[in-house]
Amino acid sequence: MEGSFGSDFQNSGRGKLDPSVIVEQVKVPIAVASAQELLHWMTDKCFWKCVGKPGGSLGNSEQKCTPTFMGRSMDAWNTVSRAYNLWLQRERANMQRGPSRSPSHQPPCP
């Protein structure tokens, strides 16, 4: 069926889907969803942390709190993301080595 989810993935020529093509095709939507989640989380948390009394404008302390909180949130997100990506790389390497290596099954907590 043309236009269906499965038709977007290219075959390797033997009737099987090419995993590398699938990985490349899902990277962008995953990155977009991750960025949207981060933005939503930061907006929600920043508002409740920095804005004491919602009004027509932000006060001086609210104006200072907002970028500080967002910067710290981005730093934390990046730290967790790097740790998770390293964990994924190790797990992939362990899987390629075969069953003699047991995966850790849990990402590390930074």
N, C-alpha and C. Protein backbone atom coordinates (compact mmCIF):
# COMPACT_ATOMS: atom_id res chain seq x y z
N MET A 1 0.85 -1.17 0.00
CA MET A 1 0.00 0.00 0.00
C MET A 1 0.89 1.23 0.00
N GLU A 2 0.70 2.08 -0.98
CA GLU A 2 1.53 3.27 -1.09
C GLU A 2 1.15 4.29 -0.03
N GLY A 3 2.16 4.94 0.55
CA GLY A 3 1.91 5.96 1.56
C GLY A 3 1.77 5.42 2.96
N SER A 4 1.78 4.10 3.12
CA SER A 4 1.68 3.55 4.46
C SER A 4 3.02 3.63 5.16
N PHE A 5 3.02 3.41 6.45
CA PHE A 5 4.23 3.52 7.26
C PHE A 5 5.34 2.63 6.72
N GLY A 6 5.06 1.38 6.46
CA GLY A 6 6.07 0.43 6.02
C GLY A 6 6.63 0.73 4.64
N SER A 7 5.87 1.41 3.79
CA SER A 7 6.35 1.67 2.44
C SER A 7 7.44 2.73 2.41
N ASP A 8 7.61 3.47 3.49
CA ASP A 8 8.64 4.50 3.54
C ASP A 8 10.03 3.92 3.74
N PHE A 9 10.13 2.69 4.21
CA PHE A 9 11.41 2.07 4.47
C PHE A 9 11.86 1.32 3.23
N GLN A 10 13.14 1.44 2.92
CA GLN A 10 13.67 0.83 1.71
C GLN A 10 14.14 -0.59 1.99
N ASN A 11 13.96 -1.45 1.01
CA ASN A 11 14.41 -2.83 1.13
C ASN A 11 15.87 -2.94 0.70
N SER A 12 16.57 -3.93 1.24
CA SER A 12 17.97 -4.15 0.88
C SER A 12 18.10 -4.97 -0.40
N GLY A 13 16.99 -5.32 -1.03
CA GLY A 13 17.05 -6.06 -2.27
C GLY A 13 16.67 -7.52 -2.10
N ARG A 14 16.64 -8.03 -0.91
CA ARG A 14 16.31 -9.44 -0.67
C ARG A 14 14.98 -9.57 0.06
N GLY A 15 14.17 -8.55 0.01
CA GLY A 15 12.88 -8.62 0.68
C GLY A 15 12.94 -8.27 2.15
N LYS A 16 14.12 -7.91 2.65
CA LYS A 16 14.27 -7.55 4.06
C LYS A 16 14.47 -6.05 4.17
N LEU A 17 14.02 -5.50 5.29
CA LEU A 17 14.25 -4.09 5.53
C LEU A 17 15.69 -3.87 5.97
N ASP A 18 16.28 -2.79 5.49
CA ASP A 18 17.65 -2.45 5.85
C ASP A 18 17.62 -1.68 7.17
N PRO A 19 18.15 -2.25 8.26
CA PRO A 19 18.10 -1.59 9.57
C PRO A 19 18.75 -0.21 9.57
N SER A 20 19.83 -0.03 8.82
CA SER A 20 20.49 1.28 8.82
C SER A 20 19.61 2.35 8.19
N VAL A 21 18.83 1.97 7.19
CA VAL A 21 17.90 2.92 6.56
C VAL A 21 16.80 3.29 7.54
N ILE A 22 16.28 2.29 8.25
CA ILE A 22 15.23 2.55 9.24
C ILE A 22 15.74 3.48 10.32
N VAL A 23 16.94 3.22 10.82
CA VAL A 23 17.53 4.06 11.87
C VAL A 23 17.64 5.50 11.39
N GLU A 24 18.14 5.69 10.18
CA GLU A 24 18.31 7.05 9.66
C GLU A 24 16.96 7.76 9.49
N GLN A 25 15.94 7.01 9.10
CA GLN A 25 14.64 7.61 8.86
C GLN A 25 13.90 7.97 10.14
N VAL A 26 14.24 7.36 11.26
CA VAL A 26 13.55 7.69 12.51
C VAL A 26 14.34 8.66 13.38
N LYS A 27 15.59 8.95 13.03
CA LYS A 27 16.40 9.86 13.84
C LYS A 27 15.79 11.26 13.95
N VAL A 28 15.37 11.83 12.85
CA VAL A 28 14.84 13.19 12.87
C VAL A 28 13.54 13.29 13.67
N PRO A 29 12.54 12.41 13.42
CA PRO A 29 11.32 12.51 14.24
C PRO A 29 11.59 12.32 15.74
N ILE A 30 12.54 11.46 16.08
CA ILE A 30 12.87 11.27 17.49
C ILE A 30 13.51 12.51 18.06
N ALA A 31 14.41 13.13 17.32
CA ALA A 31 15.06 14.37 17.77
C ALA A 31 14.04 15.50 17.94
N VAL A 32 13.09 15.59 17.01
CA VAL A 32 12.05 16.62 17.10
C VAL A 32 11.18 16.39 18.33
N ALA A 33 10.77 15.15 18.54
CA ALA A 33 9.94 14.82 19.71
C ALA A 33 10.69 15.11 21.01
N SER A 34 11.98 14.81 21.03
CA SER A 34 12.79 15.06 22.21
C SER A 34 12.89 16.56 22.49
N ALA A 35 13.11 17.35 21.45
CA ALA A 35 13.19 18.81 21.62
C ALA A 35 11.85 19.38 22.08
N GLN A 36 10.76 18.87 21.54
CA GLN A 36 9.44 19.34 21.96
C GLN A 36 9.18 19.00 23.42
N GLU A 37 9.58 17.81 23.83
CA GLU A 37 9.41 17.40 25.22
C GLU A 37 10.22 18.30 26.16
N LEU A 38 11.46 18.58 25.76
CA LEU A 38 12.31 19.46 26.57
C LEU A 38 11.69 20.85 26.69
N LEU A 39 11.24 21.40 25.59
CA LEU A 39 10.65 22.74 25.61
C LEU A 39 9.40 22.77 26.48
N HIS A 40 8.55 21.77 26.36
CA HIS A 40 7.34 21.71 27.18
C HIS A 40 7.70 21.59 28.66
N TRP A 41 8.63 20.71 28.97
CA TRP A 41 9.04 20.51 30.37
C TRP A 41 9.63 21.79 30.94
N MET A 42 10.54 22.43 30.19
CA MET A 42 11.17 23.66 30.68
C MET A 42 10.15 24.77 30.87
N THR A 43 9.24 24.91 29.93
CA THR A 43 8.24 25.96 30.04
C THR A 43 7.38 25.76 31.28
N ASP A 44 6.93 24.54 31.50
CA ASP A 44 6.09 24.23 32.65
C ASP A 44 6.85 24.45 33.95
N LYS A 45 8.03 23.85 34.07
CA LYS A 45 8.81 23.96 35.31
C LYS A 45 9.28 25.38 35.56
N CYS A 46 9.72 26.05 34.53
CA CYS A 46 10.22 27.42 34.66
C CYS A 46 9.10 28.35 35.14
N PHE A 47 7.93 28.19 34.56
CA PHE A 47 6.82 29.04 34.96
C PHE A 47 6.52 28.88 36.45
N TRP A 48 6.39 27.64 36.91
CA TRP A 48 6.03 27.41 38.31
C TRP A 48 7.16 27.77 39.26
N LYS A 49 8.40 27.66 38.80
CA LYS A 49 9.54 27.98 39.66
C LYS A 49 9.76 29.50 39.73
N CYS A 50 9.63 30.18 38.62
CA CYS A 50 10.05 31.58 38.54
C CYS A 50 8.92 32.61 38.65
N VAL A 51 7.72 32.24 38.25
CA VAL A 51 6.64 33.22 38.21
C VAL A 51 5.74 33.01 39.42
N GLY A 52 5.91 33.87 40.42
CA GLY A 52 5.14 33.74 41.65
C GLY A 52 3.69 34.16 41.48
N LYS A 53 3.49 35.30 40.86
CA LYS A 53 2.14 35.83 40.65
C LYS A 53 2.00 36.22 39.19
N PRO A 54 1.34 35.38 38.40
CA PRO A 54 1.15 35.72 36.99
C PRO A 54 0.44 37.05 36.83
N GLY A 55 0.91 37.83 35.88
CA GLY A 55 0.31 39.12 35.61
C GLY A 55 0.61 39.53 34.18
N GLY A 56 0.47 40.81 33.94
CA GLY A 56 0.68 41.35 32.60
C GLY A 56 2.13 41.40 32.18
N SER A 57 3.05 41.41 33.15
CA SER A 57 4.48 41.45 32.83
C SER A 57 5.27 40.75 33.93
N LEU A 58 6.51 40.45 33.64
CA LEU A 58 7.37 39.79 34.62
C LEU A 58 8.09 40.83 35.46
N GLY A 59 8.21 40.54 36.75
CA GLY A 59 8.97 41.41 37.63
C GLY A 59 10.46 41.18 37.44
N ASN A 60 11.27 42.00 38.11
CA ASN A 60 12.72 41.92 37.96
C ASN A 60 13.27 40.55 38.36
N SER A 61 12.83 40.03 39.49
CA SER A 61 13.33 38.72 39.94
C SER A 61 12.88 37.61 38.99
N GLU A 62 11.68 37.75 38.44
CA GLU A 62 11.18 36.75 37.49
C GLU A 62 12.00 36.79 36.19
N GLN A 63 12.37 37.98 35.77
CA GLN A 63 13.18 38.13 34.56
C GLN A 63 14.57 37.54 34.75
N LYS A 64 15.10 37.59 35.96
CA LYS A 64 16.42 37.01 36.23
C LYS A 64 16.32 35.49 36.40
N CYS A 65 15.27 35.03 37.04
CA CYS A 65 15.10 33.60 37.32
C CYS A 65 14.91 32.79 36.04
N THR A 66 14.14 33.31 35.12
CA THR A 66 13.77 32.55 33.93
C THR A 66 14.98 32.08 33.12
N PRO A 67 15.88 32.96 32.69
CA PRO A 67 17.02 32.46 31.91
C PRO A 67 17.97 31.57 32.73
N THR A 68 18.11 31.86 34.03
CA THR A 68 18.96 31.03 34.87
C THR A 68 18.40 29.62 34.96
N PHE A 69 17.11 29.53 35.24
CA PHE A 69 16.47 28.22 35.36
C PHE A 69 16.53 27.45 34.04
N MET A 70 16.28 28.14 32.94
CA MET A 70 16.30 27.49 31.63
C MET A 70 17.71 27.01 31.29
N GLY A 71 18.73 27.83 31.61
CA GLY A 71 20.11 27.43 31.36
C GLY A 71 20.50 26.19 32.15
N ARG A 72 20.12 26.16 33.41
CA ARG A 72 20.42 24.99 34.24
C ARG A 72 19.66 23.76 33.76
N SER A 73 18.44 23.96 33.32
CA SER A 73 17.64 22.85 32.80
C SER A 73 18.28 22.28 31.54
N MET A 74 18.74 23.15 30.66
CA MET A 74 19.41 22.69 29.43
C MET A 74 20.69 21.93 29.76
N ASP A 75 21.46 22.45 30.72
CA ASP A 75 22.69 21.76 31.13
C ASP A 75 22.38 20.36 31.66
N ALA A 76 21.36 20.26 32.49
CA ALA A 76 20.97 18.96 33.04
C ALA A 76 20.51 18.02 31.94
N TRP A 77 19.69 18.52 31.03
CA TRP A 77 19.19 17.72 29.92
C TRP A 77 20.35 17.19 29.08
N ASN A 78 21.32 18.06 28.79
CA ASN A 78 22.47 17.66 27.98
C ASN A 78 23.32 16.61 28.69
N THR A 79 23.50 16.75 29.99
CA THR A 79 24.27 15.78 30.76
C THR A 79 23.60 14.41 30.72
N VAL A 80 22.31 14.39 30.96
CA VAL A 80 21.57 13.12 30.92
C VAL A 80 21.59 12.53 29.52
N SER A 81 21.43 13.36 28.52
CA SER A 81 21.42 12.89 27.13
C SER A 81 22.77 12.28 26.76
N ARG A 82 23.86 12.92 27.14
CA ARG A 82 25.19 12.37 26.84
C ARG A 82 25.40 11.03 27.54
N ALA A 83 25.01 10.95 28.81
CA ALA A 83 25.17 9.70 29.56
C ALA A 83 24.33 8.59 28.93
N TYR A 84 23.13 8.91 28.53
CA TYR A 84 22.26 7.92 27.90
C TYR A 84 22.82 7.45 26.56
N ASN A 85 23.33 8.38 25.77
CA ASN A 85 23.91 8.01 24.47
C ASN A 85 25.14 7.12 24.65
N LEU A 86 25.97 7.41 25.64
CA LEU A 86 27.13 6.55 25.92
C LEU A 86 26.67 5.15 26.33
N TRP A 87 25.65 5.08 27.15
CA TRP A 87 25.11 3.79 27.57
C TRP A 87 24.59 3.01 26.37
N LEU A 88 23.87 3.69 25.46
CA LEU A 88 23.37 3.02 24.26
C LEU A 88 24.51 2.48 23.40
N GLN A 89 25.56 3.27 23.26
CA GLN A 89 26.71 2.82 22.46
C GLN A 89 27.35 1.57 23.07
N ARG A 90 27.49 1.56 24.39
CA ARG A 90 28.06 0.38 25.06
C ARG A 90 27.16 -0.83 24.87
N GLU A 91 25.85 -0.64 24.99
CA GLU A 91 24.91 -1.75 24.82
C GLU A 91 24.97 -2.29 23.40
N ARG A 92 25.06 -1.41 22.40
CA ARG A 92 25.16 -1.86 21.01
C ARG A 92 26.45 -2.67 20.82
N ALA A 93 27.54 -2.16 21.38
CA ALA A 93 28.82 -2.88 21.26
C ALA A 93 28.73 -4.25 21.93
N ASN A 94 28.10 -4.31 23.10
CA ASN A 94 27.93 -5.59 23.79
C ASN A 94 27.07 -6.55 22.98
N MET A 95 26.04 -6.04 22.33
CA MET A 95 25.17 -6.89 21.53
C MET A 95 25.91 -7.44 20.31
N GLN A 96 26.80 -6.64 19.73
CA GLN A 96 27.55 -7.08 18.55
C GLN A 96 28.59 -8.12 18.92
N ARG A 97 29.08 -8.08 20.17
CA ARG A 97 30.07 -9.05 20.62
C ARG A 97 29.45 -10.42 20.87
N GLY A 98 28.15 -10.45 21.09
CA GLY A 98 27.48 -11.72 21.30
C GLY A 98 27.03 -11.93 22.72
N PRO A 99 26.43 -13.08 22.99
CA PRO A 99 25.81 -13.35 24.29
C PRO A 99 26.79 -13.55 25.44
N SER A 100 28.09 -13.63 25.17
CA SER A 100 29.05 -13.85 26.26
C SER A 100 29.16 -12.63 27.17
N ARG A 101 28.78 -11.46 26.66
CA ARG A 101 28.81 -10.23 27.46
C ARG A 101 27.39 -9.92 27.90
N SER A 102 27.20 -9.72 29.18
CA SER A 102 25.84 -9.42 29.63
C SER A 102 25.63 -7.92 29.70
N PRO A 103 24.55 -7.41 29.07
CA PRO A 103 24.27 -5.98 29.10
C PRO A 103 23.84 -5.54 30.49
N SER A 104 24.03 -4.27 30.76
CA SER A 104 23.72 -3.75 32.09
C SER A 104 22.22 -3.52 32.28
N HIS A 105 21.45 -3.44 31.20
CA HIS A 105 19.99 -3.30 31.20
C HIS A 105 19.46 -1.99 31.78
N GLN A 106 20.29 -1.20 32.42
CA GLN A 106 19.82 0.08 32.93
C GLN A 106 20.82 1.16 32.58
N PRO A 107 20.30 2.29 32.08
CA PRO A 107 21.20 3.40 31.81
C PRO A 107 21.74 3.97 33.13
N PRO A 108 22.92 4.56 33.06
CA PRO A 108 23.50 5.10 34.30
C PRO A 108 22.80 6.37 34.74
N CYS A 109 22.84 6.65 35.99
CA CYS A 109 22.36 7.92 36.52
C CYS A 109 23.57 8.83 36.69
N PRO A 110 23.58 9.96 36.01
CA PRO A 110 24.73 10.87 36.13
C PRO A 110 24.79 11.52 37.49
